[in-house]
Amino acid sequence: MTSASNGHPNAVTDGFTEMMSRSQKAVTDAASGMAEMWGAALSGADDAARRTSGSLPGVPSAGEFVDRAVDTGIAVLEMQRSVAHQVLDALRLR
């Protein structure tokens, strides 16, 4: 990445880009790990719970669980976007 004014690498933007890339990878890795963990937990669920007609009181359905997980992911991405814009504003790069 180079700056527009002098054609030399810009350590500030390169460092920021690297930090954001690592942050997004960490979130993706965490979400993947959670998905694997929950997949294993749900596949080993007790047969009695599977035979229950309807959902158990106080326990979200599989669809509700997915919605909550995705909503959390969206909230994390929106937070990352907000932080990125705040950094850009502070550095007067936007």
N, C-alpha and C. Protein backbone atom coordinates (compact mmCIF):
# COMPACT_ATOMS: atom_id res chain seq x y z
N MET A 1 0.85 -1.16 0.00
CA MET A 1 0.00 0.00 0.00
C MET A 1 0.90 1.23 0.00
N THR A 2 0.59 2.23 -0.80
CA THR A 2 1.39 3.44 -0.85
C THR A 2 0.52 4.64 -0.61
N SER A 3 1.15 5.71 -0.12
CA SER A 3 0.39 6.94 0.06
C SER A 3 0.30 7.65 -1.27
N ALA A 4 -0.75 8.43 -1.44
CA ALA A 4 -0.96 9.13 -2.71
C ALA A 4 0.03 10.27 -2.90
N SER A 5 0.53 10.85 -1.82
CA SER A 5 1.36 12.04 -1.94
C SER A 5 2.80 11.75 -2.34
N ASN A 6 3.41 10.68 -1.82
CA ASN A 6 4.83 10.47 -2.09
C ASN A 6 5.16 9.11 -2.68
N GLY A 7 4.20 8.21 -2.81
CA GLY A 7 4.44 6.91 -3.41
C GLY A 7 5.17 5.93 -2.52
N HIS A 8 5.45 6.30 -1.27
CA HIS A 8 6.14 5.42 -0.33
C HIS A 8 5.15 4.70 0.56
N PRO A 9 5.54 3.55 1.07
CA PRO A 9 4.64 2.84 1.98
C PRO A 9 4.20 3.72 3.14
N ASN A 10 2.95 3.60 3.50
CA ASN A 10 2.40 4.39 4.59
C ASN A 10 2.22 3.47 5.79
N ALA A 11 3.10 3.61 6.77
CA ALA A 11 3.11 2.70 7.92
C ALA A 11 1.82 2.79 8.72
N VAL A 12 1.21 3.97 8.79
CA VAL A 12 -0.02 4.12 9.57
C VAL A 12 -1.15 3.32 8.95
N THR A 13 -1.40 3.52 7.65
CA THR A 13 -2.50 2.80 7.01
C THR A 13 -2.19 1.32 6.87
N ASP A 14 -0.93 0.98 6.61
CA ASP A 14 -0.57 -0.44 6.52
C ASP A 14 -0.79 -1.13 7.86
N GLY A 15 -0.38 -0.48 8.95
CA GLY A 15 -0.56 -1.05 10.28
C GLY A 15 -2.03 -1.18 10.64
N PHE A 16 -2.80 -0.17 10.30
CA PHE A 16 -4.23 -0.20 10.58
C PHE A 16 -4.91 -1.31 9.79
N THR A 17 -4.56 -1.43 8.51
CA THR A 17 -5.13 -2.47 7.67
C THR A 17 -4.80 -3.85 8.22
N GLU A 18 -3.56 -4.03 8.65
CA GLU A 18 -3.14 -5.31 9.22
C GLU A 18 -3.89 -5.61 10.52
N MET A 19 -4.06 -4.58 11.37
CA MET A 19 -4.77 -4.75 12.63
C MET A 19 -6.23 -5.16 12.36
N MET A 20 -6.89 -4.50 11.43
CA MET A 20 -8.28 -4.81 11.13
C MET A 20 -8.40 -6.21 10.51
N SER A 21 -7.47 -6.57 9.67
CA SER A 21 -7.48 -7.89 9.07
C SER A 21 -7.34 -8.98 10.13
N ARG A 22 -6.42 -8.78 11.07
CA ARG A 22 -6.24 -9.75 12.15
C ARG A 22 -7.47 -9.83 13.04
N SER A 23 -8.07 -8.67 13.31
CA SER A 23 -9.26 -8.62 14.15
C SER A 23 -10.41 -9.38 13.50
N GLN A 24 -10.62 -9.16 12.22
CA GLN A 24 -11.70 -9.86 11.52
C GLN A 24 -11.43 -11.36 11.45
N LYS A 25 -10.17 -11.75 11.26
CA LYS A 25 -9.84 -13.17 11.23
C LYS A 25 -10.11 -13.81 12.59
N ALA A 26 -9.78 -13.09 13.67
CA ALA A 26 -10.02 -13.62 15.01
C ALA A 26 -11.51 -13.83 15.26
N VAL A 27 -12.33 -12.88 14.82
CA VAL A 27 -13.78 -13.02 14.98
C VAL A 27 -14.29 -14.20 14.16
N THR A 28 -13.81 -14.32 12.93
CA THR A 28 -14.23 -15.43 12.07
C THR A 28 -13.81 -16.77 12.67
N ASP A 29 -12.58 -16.84 13.17
CA ASP A 29 -12.10 -18.08 13.79
C ASP A 29 -12.93 -18.43 15.03
N ALA A 30 -13.26 -17.40 15.82
CA ALA A 30 -14.07 -17.64 17.03
C ALA A 30 -15.46 -18.14 16.64
N ALA A 31 -16.06 -17.53 15.63
CA ALA A 31 -17.39 -17.95 15.19
C ALA A 31 -17.35 -19.37 14.65
N SER A 32 -16.31 -19.71 13.90
CA SER A 32 -16.18 -21.07 13.37
C SER A 32 -16.01 -22.08 14.50
N GLY A 33 -15.21 -21.73 15.48
CA GLY A 33 -15.02 -22.61 16.63
C GLY A 33 -16.31 -22.82 17.40
N MET A 34 -17.07 -21.74 17.59
CA MET A 34 -18.36 -21.86 18.29
C MET A 34 -19.32 -22.73 17.48
N ALA A 35 -19.34 -22.54 16.17
CA ALA A 35 -20.22 -23.35 15.33
C ALA A 35 -19.87 -24.83 15.44
N GLU A 36 -18.57 -25.13 15.42
CA GLU A 36 -18.14 -26.53 15.56
C GLU A 36 -18.52 -27.09 16.93
N MET A 37 -18.30 -26.28 17.98
CA MET A 37 -18.61 -26.72 19.32
C MET A 37 -20.11 -26.99 19.48
N TRP A 38 -20.93 -26.06 19.02
CA TRP A 38 -22.38 -26.24 19.14
C TRP A 38 -22.87 -27.37 18.26
N GLY A 39 -22.27 -27.53 17.09
CA GLY A 39 -22.64 -28.65 16.23
C GLY A 39 -22.39 -29.98 16.90
N ALA A 40 -21.24 -30.10 17.56
CA ALA A 40 -20.92 -31.33 18.28
C ALA A 40 -21.86 -31.52 19.46
N ALA A 41 -22.15 -30.43 20.17
CA ALA A 41 -23.03 -30.53 21.33
C ALA A 41 -24.45 -30.91 20.92
N LEU A 42 -24.93 -30.31 19.84
CA LEU A 42 -26.30 -30.58 19.41
C LEU A 42 -26.44 -31.97 18.80
N SER A 43 -25.40 -32.44 18.12
CA SER A 43 -25.49 -33.77 17.52
C SER A 43 -25.47 -34.85 18.60
N GLY A 44 -24.89 -34.53 19.76
CA GLY A 44 -24.87 -35.49 20.85
C GLY A 44 -25.97 -35.25 21.88
N ALA A 45 -26.98 -34.48 21.50
CA ALA A 45 -28.05 -34.15 22.45
C ALA A 45 -28.81 -35.40 22.86
N ASP A 46 -29.39 -35.34 24.00
CA ASP A 46 -30.14 -36.46 24.56
C ASP A 46 -31.34 -36.81 23.68
N ASP A 47 -31.59 -38.09 23.45
CA ASP A 47 -32.72 -38.52 22.63
C ASP A 47 -34.05 -38.05 23.18
N ALA A 48 -34.16 -37.95 24.47
CA ALA A 48 -35.42 -37.51 25.08
C ALA A 48 -35.77 -36.09 24.63
N ALA A 49 -34.77 -35.25 24.50
CA ALA A 49 -35.01 -33.88 24.05
C ALA A 49 -35.48 -33.87 22.60
N ARG A 50 -34.96 -34.77 21.80
CA ARG A 50 -35.37 -34.84 20.39
C ARG A 50 -36.80 -35.34 20.25
N ARG A 51 -37.24 -36.20 21.18
CA ARG A 51 -38.60 -36.76 21.09
C ARG A 51 -39.66 -35.81 21.62
N THR A 52 -39.23 -34.77 22.30
CA THR A 52 -40.18 -33.84 22.90
C THR A 52 -40.97 -33.14 21.80
N SER A 53 -42.27 -33.12 21.96
CA SER A 53 -43.08 -32.41 20.96
C SER A 53 -43.01 -30.92 21.27
N GLY A 54 -42.62 -30.14 20.27
CA GLY A 54 -42.47 -28.70 20.49
C GLY A 54 -41.15 -28.40 21.17
N SER A 55 -40.94 -27.16 21.46
CA SER A 55 -39.68 -26.79 22.11
C SER A 55 -39.83 -26.85 23.62
N LEU A 56 -38.72 -27.02 24.27
CA LEU A 56 -38.71 -27.05 25.73
C LEU A 56 -38.90 -25.62 26.26
N PRO A 57 -39.62 -25.48 27.37
CA PRO A 57 -39.83 -24.13 27.93
C PRO A 57 -38.50 -23.46 28.28
N GLY A 58 -38.35 -22.22 27.84
CA GLY A 58 -37.16 -21.46 28.16
C GLY A 58 -35.95 -21.78 27.31
N VAL A 59 -36.05 -22.76 26.42
CA VAL A 59 -34.93 -23.15 25.56
C VAL A 59 -35.25 -22.69 24.14
N PRO A 60 -34.36 -21.88 23.54
CA PRO A 60 -34.65 -21.40 22.18
C PRO A 60 -34.63 -22.54 21.17
N SER A 61 -35.45 -22.40 20.16
CA SER A 61 -35.45 -23.39 19.08
C SER A 61 -34.14 -23.26 18.29
N ALA A 62 -33.88 -24.22 17.43
CA ALA A 62 -32.66 -24.16 16.62
C ALA A 62 -32.66 -22.90 15.76
N GLY A 63 -33.81 -22.55 15.20
CA GLY A 63 -33.90 -21.35 14.37
C GLY A 63 -33.63 -20.08 15.16
N GLU A 64 -34.16 -20.02 16.39
CA GLU A 64 -33.92 -18.86 17.24
C GLU A 64 -32.43 -18.77 17.62
N PHE A 65 -31.84 -19.92 17.86
CA PHE A 65 -30.42 -19.95 18.21
C PHE A 65 -29.58 -19.41 17.05
N VAL A 66 -29.91 -19.85 15.83
CA VAL A 66 -29.18 -19.38 14.64
C VAL A 66 -29.36 -17.87 14.49
N ASP A 67 -30.60 -17.40 14.65
CA ASP A 67 -30.86 -15.96 14.53
C ASP A 67 -30.04 -15.17 15.54
N ARG A 68 -29.99 -15.64 16.77
CA ARG A 68 -29.23 -14.93 17.81
C ARG A 68 -27.74 -14.93 17.49
N ALA A 69 -27.23 -16.06 17.01
CA ALA A 69 -25.81 -16.14 16.68
C ALA A 69 -25.45 -15.20 15.53
N VAL A 70 -26.29 -15.17 14.50
CA VAL A 70 -26.04 -14.30 13.34
C VAL A 70 -26.18 -12.84 13.76
N ASP A 71 -27.20 -12.53 14.56
CA ASP A 71 -27.37 -11.16 15.04
C ASP A 71 -26.15 -10.69 15.83
N THR A 72 -25.58 -11.60 16.62
CA THR A 72 -24.37 -11.25 17.37
C THR A 72 -23.21 -10.98 16.42
N GLY A 73 -23.08 -11.80 15.39
CA GLY A 73 -22.02 -11.58 14.39
C GLY A 73 -22.18 -10.24 13.68
N ILE A 74 -23.41 -9.90 13.35
CA ILE A 74 -23.68 -8.62 12.70
C ILE A 74 -23.32 -7.46 13.62
N ALA A 75 -23.67 -7.60 14.90
CA ALA A 75 -23.35 -6.54 15.87
C ALA A 75 -21.83 -6.36 16.00
N VAL A 76 -21.08 -7.47 15.99
CA VAL A 76 -19.62 -7.39 16.08
C VAL A 76 -19.06 -6.68 14.85
N LEU A 77 -19.56 -7.02 13.66
CA LEU A 77 -19.07 -6.37 12.44
C LEU A 77 -19.42 -4.88 12.43
N GLU A 78 -20.61 -4.52 12.90
CA GLU A 78 -20.98 -3.10 12.97
C GLU A 78 -20.07 -2.36 13.94
N MET A 79 -19.71 -3.00 15.06
CA MET A 79 -18.81 -2.39 16.02
C MET A 79 -17.44 -2.19 15.38
N GLN A 80 -16.95 -3.19 14.64
CA GLN A 80 -15.65 -3.07 13.98
C GLN A 80 -15.67 -1.93 12.96
N ARG A 81 -16.76 -1.81 12.22
CA ARG A 81 -16.87 -0.73 11.24
C ARG A 81 -16.82 0.62 11.95
N SER A 82 -17.55 0.74 13.05
CA SER A 82 -17.59 1.99 13.79
C SER A 82 -16.20 2.36 14.31
N VAL A 83 -15.49 1.39 14.88
CA VAL A 83 -14.13 1.63 15.38
C VAL A 83 -13.22 2.05 14.24
N ALA A 84 -13.33 1.37 13.10
CA ALA A 84 -12.49 1.70 11.95
C ALA A 84 -12.74 3.13 11.49
N HIS A 85 -13.99 3.53 11.43
CA HIS A 85 -14.31 4.90 11.02
C HIS A 85 -13.81 5.92 12.05
N GLN A 86 -13.90 5.59 13.32
CA GLN A 86 -13.39 6.50 14.35
C GLN A 86 -11.88 6.67 14.23
N VAL A 87 -11.18 5.59 13.93
CA VAL A 87 -9.72 5.67 13.75
C VAL A 87 -9.41 6.50 12.52
N LEU A 88 -10.12 6.26 11.43
CA LEU A 88 -9.90 7.05 10.21
C LEU A 88 -10.16 8.52 10.45
N ASP A 89 -11.24 8.83 11.18
CA ASP A 89 -11.55 10.22 11.50
C ASP A 89 -10.44 10.83 12.35
N ALA A 90 -9.95 10.08 13.33
CA ALA A 90 -8.89 10.59 14.20
C ALA A 90 -7.60 10.87 13.42
N LEU A 91 -7.35 10.02 12.43
CA LEU A 91 -6.13 10.19 11.62
C LEU A 91 -6.37 11.12 10.43
N ARG A 92 -7.59 11.59 10.32
CA ARG A 92 -8.00 12.48 9.21
C ARG A 92 -7.73 11.84 7.85
N LEU A 93 -8.06 10.55 7.74
CA LEU A 93 -7.87 9.79 6.49
C LEU A 93 -9.19 9.58 5.75
N ARG A 94 -10.27 10.11 6.29
CA ARG A 94 -11.56 9.89 5.66
C ARG A 94 -12.12 11.19 5.19
